[in-house]
C-alpha atoms as a PDB file:
ATOM      1  CA  MET A   1     105.689 310.592-160.454  1.00  0.00           C
ATOM      2  CA  ASN A   2     108.326 307.790-159.086  1.00  0.00           C
ATOM      3  CA  PHE A   3     108.746 307.741-155.166  1.00  0.00           C
ATOM      4  CA  PRO A   4     111.326 304.125-154.547  1.00  0.00           C
ATOM      5  CA  GLU A   5     110.675 302.552-151.077  1.00  0.00           C
ATOM      6  CA  ASN A   6     114.684 301.319-150.999  1.00  0.00           C
ATOM      7  CA  LEU A   7     115.360 305.185-151.002  1.00  0.00           C
ATOM      8  CA  ARG A   8     115.203 307.870-148.532  1.00  0.00           C
ATOM      9  CA  TYR A   9     114.558 311.834-149.267  1.00  0.00           C
ATOM     10  CA  THR A  10     115.730 315.268-148.163  1.00  0.00           C
ATOM     11  CA  LYS A  11     113.984 318.675-148.188  1.00  0.00           C
ATOM     12  CA  ASP A  12     115.922 319.868-150.824  1.00  0.00           C
ATOM     13  CA  HIS A  13     114.834 316.813-153.914  1.00  0.00           C
ATOM     14  CA  GLU A  14     117.883 314.537-153.555  1.00  0.00           C
ATOM     15  CA  TRP A  15     117.561 310.908-152.478  1.00  0.00           C
ATOM     16  CA  ILE A  16     119.924 308.414-151.525  1.00  0.00           C
ATOM     17  CA  ARG A  17     120.784 304.748-151.404  1.00  0.00           C
ATOM     18  CA  VAL A  18     123.038 303.203-148.344  1.00  0.00           C
ATOM     19  CA  GLU A  19     124.706 300.373-149.900  1.00  0.00           C
ATOM     20  CA  GLY A  20     127.038 299.338-146.867  1.00  0.00           C
ATOM     21  CA  ASP A  21     129.316 301.671-145.727  1.00  0.00           C
ATOM     22  CA  GLU A  22     128.736 303.270-148.886  1.00  0.00           C
ATOM     23  CA  ALA A  23     125.750 305.588-150.251  1.00  0.00           C
ATOM     24  CA  VAL A  24     124.841 306.218-153.487  1.00  0.00           C
ATOM     25  CA  ILE A  25     123.376 310.019-154.583  1.00  0.00           C
ATOM     26  CA  GLY A  26     121.334 312.091-157.141  1.00  0.00           C
ATOM     27  CA  ILE A  27     117.942 314.124-156.985  1.00  0.00           C
ATOM     28  CA  THR A  28     114.247 313.485-157.352  1.00  0.00           C
ATOM     29  CA  ASP A  29     111.719 312.401-160.592  1.00  0.00           C
ATOM     30  CA  PHE A  30     110.133 315.386-159.032  1.00  0.00           C
ATOM     31  CA  ALA A  31     113.134 317.605-159.092  1.00  0.00           C
ATOM     32  CA  GLN A  32     114.153 316.616-162.370  1.00  0.00           C
ATOM     33  CA  HIS A  33     110.446 317.481-163.485  1.00  0.00           C
ATOM     34  CA  GLU A  34     110.544 320.745-162.279  1.00  0.00           C
ATOM     35  CA  LEU A  35     114.128 321.797-163.800  1.00  0.00           C
ATOM     36  CA  GLY A  36     113.420 320.363-167.086  1.00  0.00           C
ATOM     37  CA  ASP A  37     116.095 319.562-169.472  1.00  0.00           C
ATOM     38  CA  ILE A  38     119.503 318.859-167.475  1.00  0.00           C
ATOM     39  CA  VAL A  39     122.030 319.898-169.784  1.00  0.00           C
ATOM     40  CA  TYR A  40     124.687 319.931-167.134  1.00  0.00           C
ATOM     41  CA  ILE A  41     126.323 318.769-163.887  1.00  0.00           C
ATOM     42  CA  ASP A  42     129.012 319.887-162.049  1.00  0.00           C
ATOM     43  CA  VAL A  43     130.619 318.000-158.964  1.00  0.00           C
ATOM     44  CA  GLU A  44     134.624 319.092-157.571  1.00  0.00           C
ATOM     45  CA  THR A  45     134.293 317.811-154.515  1.00  0.00           C
ATOM     46  CA  VAL A  46     135.602 314.606-154.676  1.00  0.00           C
ATOM     47  CA  GLY A  47     137.763 313.549-151.921  1.00  0.00           C
ATOM     48  CA  GLN A  48     136.258 316.156-150.059  1.00  0.00           C
ATOM     49  CA  GLU A  49     134.875 315.540-146.549  1.00  0.00           C
ATOM     50  CA  LEU A  50     131.431 317.171-145.946  1.00  0.00           C
ATOM     51  CA  LYS A  51     128.709 318.281-143.757  1.00  0.00           C
ATOM     52  CA  GLU A  52     125.140 317.150-144.315  1.00  0.00           C
ATOM     53  CA  GLY A  53     123.432 320.106-145.758  1.00  0.00           C
ATOM     54  CA  ALA A  54     126.531 321.102-147.754  1.00  0.00           C
ATOM     55  CA  VAL A  55     126.962 321.930-151.467  1.00  0.00           C
ATOM     56  CA  PHE A  56     128.495 319.029-153.329  1.00  0.00           C
ATOM     57  CA  GLY A  57     127.643 320.752-156.631  1.00  0.00           C
ATOM     58  CA  THR A  58     125.164 321.960-158.814  1.00  0.00           C
ATOM     59  CA  VAL A  59     122.550 321.049-161.756  1.00  0.00           C
ATOM     60  CA  GLU A  60     122.361 322.945-164.732  1.00  0.00           C
ATOM     61  CA  ALA A  61     118.997 322.461-166.700  1.00  0.00           C
ATOM     62  CA  VAL A  62     118.250 324.954-169.772  1.00  0.00           C
ATOM     63  CA  LYS A  63     116.804 327.679-167.611  1.00  0.00           C
ATOM     64  CA  THR A  64     118.155 327.767-164.270  1.00  0.00           C
ATOM     65  CA  VAL A  65     121.174 326.120-162.301  1.00  0.00           C
ATOM     66  CA  SER A  66     120.223 324.590-159.134  1.00  0.00           C
ATOM     67  CA  ASP A  67     123.200 323.756-156.431  1.00  0.00           C
ATOM     68  CA  LEU A  68     122.833 320.068-154.944  1.00  0.00           C
ATOM     69  CA  PHE A  69     123.106 319.387-150.929  1.00  0.00           C
ATOM     70  CA  LEU A  70     124.834 316.445-149.313  1.00  0.00           C
ATOM     71  CA  PRO A  71     121.821 314.279-147.491  1.00  0.00           C
ATOM     72  CA  VAL A  72     124.162 313.354-144.401  1.00  0.00           C
ATOM     73  CA  ASN A  73     127.805 313.766-143.475  1.00  0.00           C
ATOM     74  CA  GLY A  74     130.697 312.237-145.311  1.00  0.00           C
ATOM     75  CA  THR A  75     132.920 311.618-148.270  1.00  0.00           C
ATOM     76  CA  ILE A  76     132.025 311.736-152.201  1.00  0.00           C
ATOM     77  CA  THR A  77     134.122 309.058-153.845  1.00  0.00           C
ATOM     78  CA  GLU A  78     132.837 309.125-156.670  1.00  0.00           C
ATOM     79  CA  VAL A  79     130.965 311.314-159.988  1.00  0.00           C
ATOM     80  CA  ASN A  80     128.528 309.708-162.206  1.00  0.00           C
ATOM     81  CA  PRO A  81     131.439 309.294-165.171  1.00  0.00           C
ATOM     82  CA  ASP A  82     127.980 309.274-167.946  1.00  0.00           C
ATOM     83  CA  LEU A  83     126.844 312.269-166.770  1.00  0.00           C
ATOM     84  CA  ASN A  84     129.491 314.067-168.472  1.00  0.00           C
ATOM     85  CA  SER A  85     128.307 312.799-172.157  1.00  0.00           C
ATOM     86  CA  ASN A  86     125.025 312.101-170.938  1.00  0.00           C
ATOM     87  CA  PRO A  87     123.464 314.631-168.383  1.00  0.00           C
ATOM     88  CA  ASP A  88     119.862 313.906-169.771  1.00  0.00           C
ATOM     89  CA  LEU A  89     120.374 310.524-167.916  1.00  0.00           C
ATOM     90  CA  VAL A  90     119.186 312.488-164.661  1.00  0.00           C
ATOM     91  CA  ASN A  91     116.075 313.233-166.466  1.00  0.00           C
ATOM     92  CA  THR A  92     115.424 309.618-168.296  1.00  0.00           C
ATOM     93  CA  ASP A  93     116.608 307.446-165.095  1.00  0.00           C
ATOM     94  CA  PRO A  94     116.983 310.044-162.050  1.00  0.00           C
ATOM     95  CA  TYR A  95     117.200 306.928-159.816  1.00  0.00           C
ATOM     96  CA  GLY A  96     119.191 304.430-161.927  1.00  0.00           C
ATOM     97  CA  LYS A  97     121.306 305.429-164.556  1.00  0.00           C
ATOM     98  CA  GLY A  98     121.232 309.457-163.667  1.00  0.00           C
ATOM     99  CA  TRP A  99     122.922 308.748-160.293  1.00  0.00           C
ATOM    100  CA  MET A 100     125.411 311.795-159.448  1.00  0.00           C
ATOM    101  CA  VAL A 101     127.545 310.771-156.370  1.00  0.00           C
ATOM    102  CA  ARG A 102     128.633 307.676-154.330  1.00  0.00           C
ATOM    103  CA  MET A 103     130.139 308.543-151.121  1.00  0.00           C
ATOM    104  CA  LYS A 104     131.020 307.195-147.611  1.00  0.00           C
ATOM    105  CA  LEU A 105     128.717 307.719-145.042  1.00  0.00           C
ATOM    106  CA  ALA A 106     130.445 309.203-141.808  1.00  0.00           C
ATOM    107  CA  ASP A 107     127.658 307.391-139.978  1.00  0.00           C
ATOM    108  CA  ALA A 108     125.371 305.186-141.859  1.00  0.00           C
ATOM    109  CA  GLY A 109     122.705 305.879-139.066  1.00  0.00           C
ATOM    110  CA  ASP A 110     122.166 309.825-140.024  1.00  0.00           C
ATOM    111  CA  ILE A 111     120.118 308.140-142.656  1.00  0.00           C
ATOM    112  CA  ASN A 112     117.406 307.547-140.325  1.00  0.00           C
ATOM    113  CA  ALA A 113     116.420 311.334-139.927  1.00  0.00           C
ATOM    114  CA  LEU A 114     116.157 311.815-143.709  1.00  0.00           C
ATOM    115  CA  MET A 115     112.235 311.440-145.212  1.00  0.00           C
ATOM    116  CA  ASP A 116     111.088 307.741-146.485  1.00  0.00           C
ATOM    117  CA  ASN A 117     108.953 307.941-149.658  1.00  0.00           C
ATOM    118  CA  LYS A 118     105.616 308.321-147.723  1.00  0.00           C
ATOM    119  CA  ALA A 119     106.981 311.468-146.429  1.00  0.00           C
ATOM    120  CA  TYR A 120     108.633 312.720-149.451  1.00  0.00           C
ATOM    121  CA  GLN A 121     105.339 312.081-151.226  1.00  0.00           C
ATOM    122  CA  ALA A 122     103.607 314.486-148.569  1.00  0.00           C
ATOM    123  CA  LEU A 123     106.057 317.025-149.193  1.00  0.00           C
ATOM    124  CA  VAL A 124     105.815 317.218-153.065  1.00  0.00           C
ATOM    125  CA  ALA A 125     102.247 316.563-153.108  1.00  0.00           C
END
């Protein structure tokens, strides 16, 4: 399993990477492995201001559908357009081309409450 050091993680298996006052969010390598083959990503919250822990979309695998939870407060600004035609990017490159959404952070300091890679690795061990 891959646990990049430059990301923060949630107990719900989302990752977040801060880029200035914005952030990129996806699901972890562990999560995609547990779900299996991803067939569809549904995010209909673009433009919405959401609170930490709110459901911002769903990910559908061959055998299940799982909610996606926002790691911090903010506004969803973009959905990865490549996932419409290639949802399997979440399986093959969960931390790169398989990102799910971009958001404008309400407070960049909120990320400090999330797990670093060592804490997340211990959670899933």
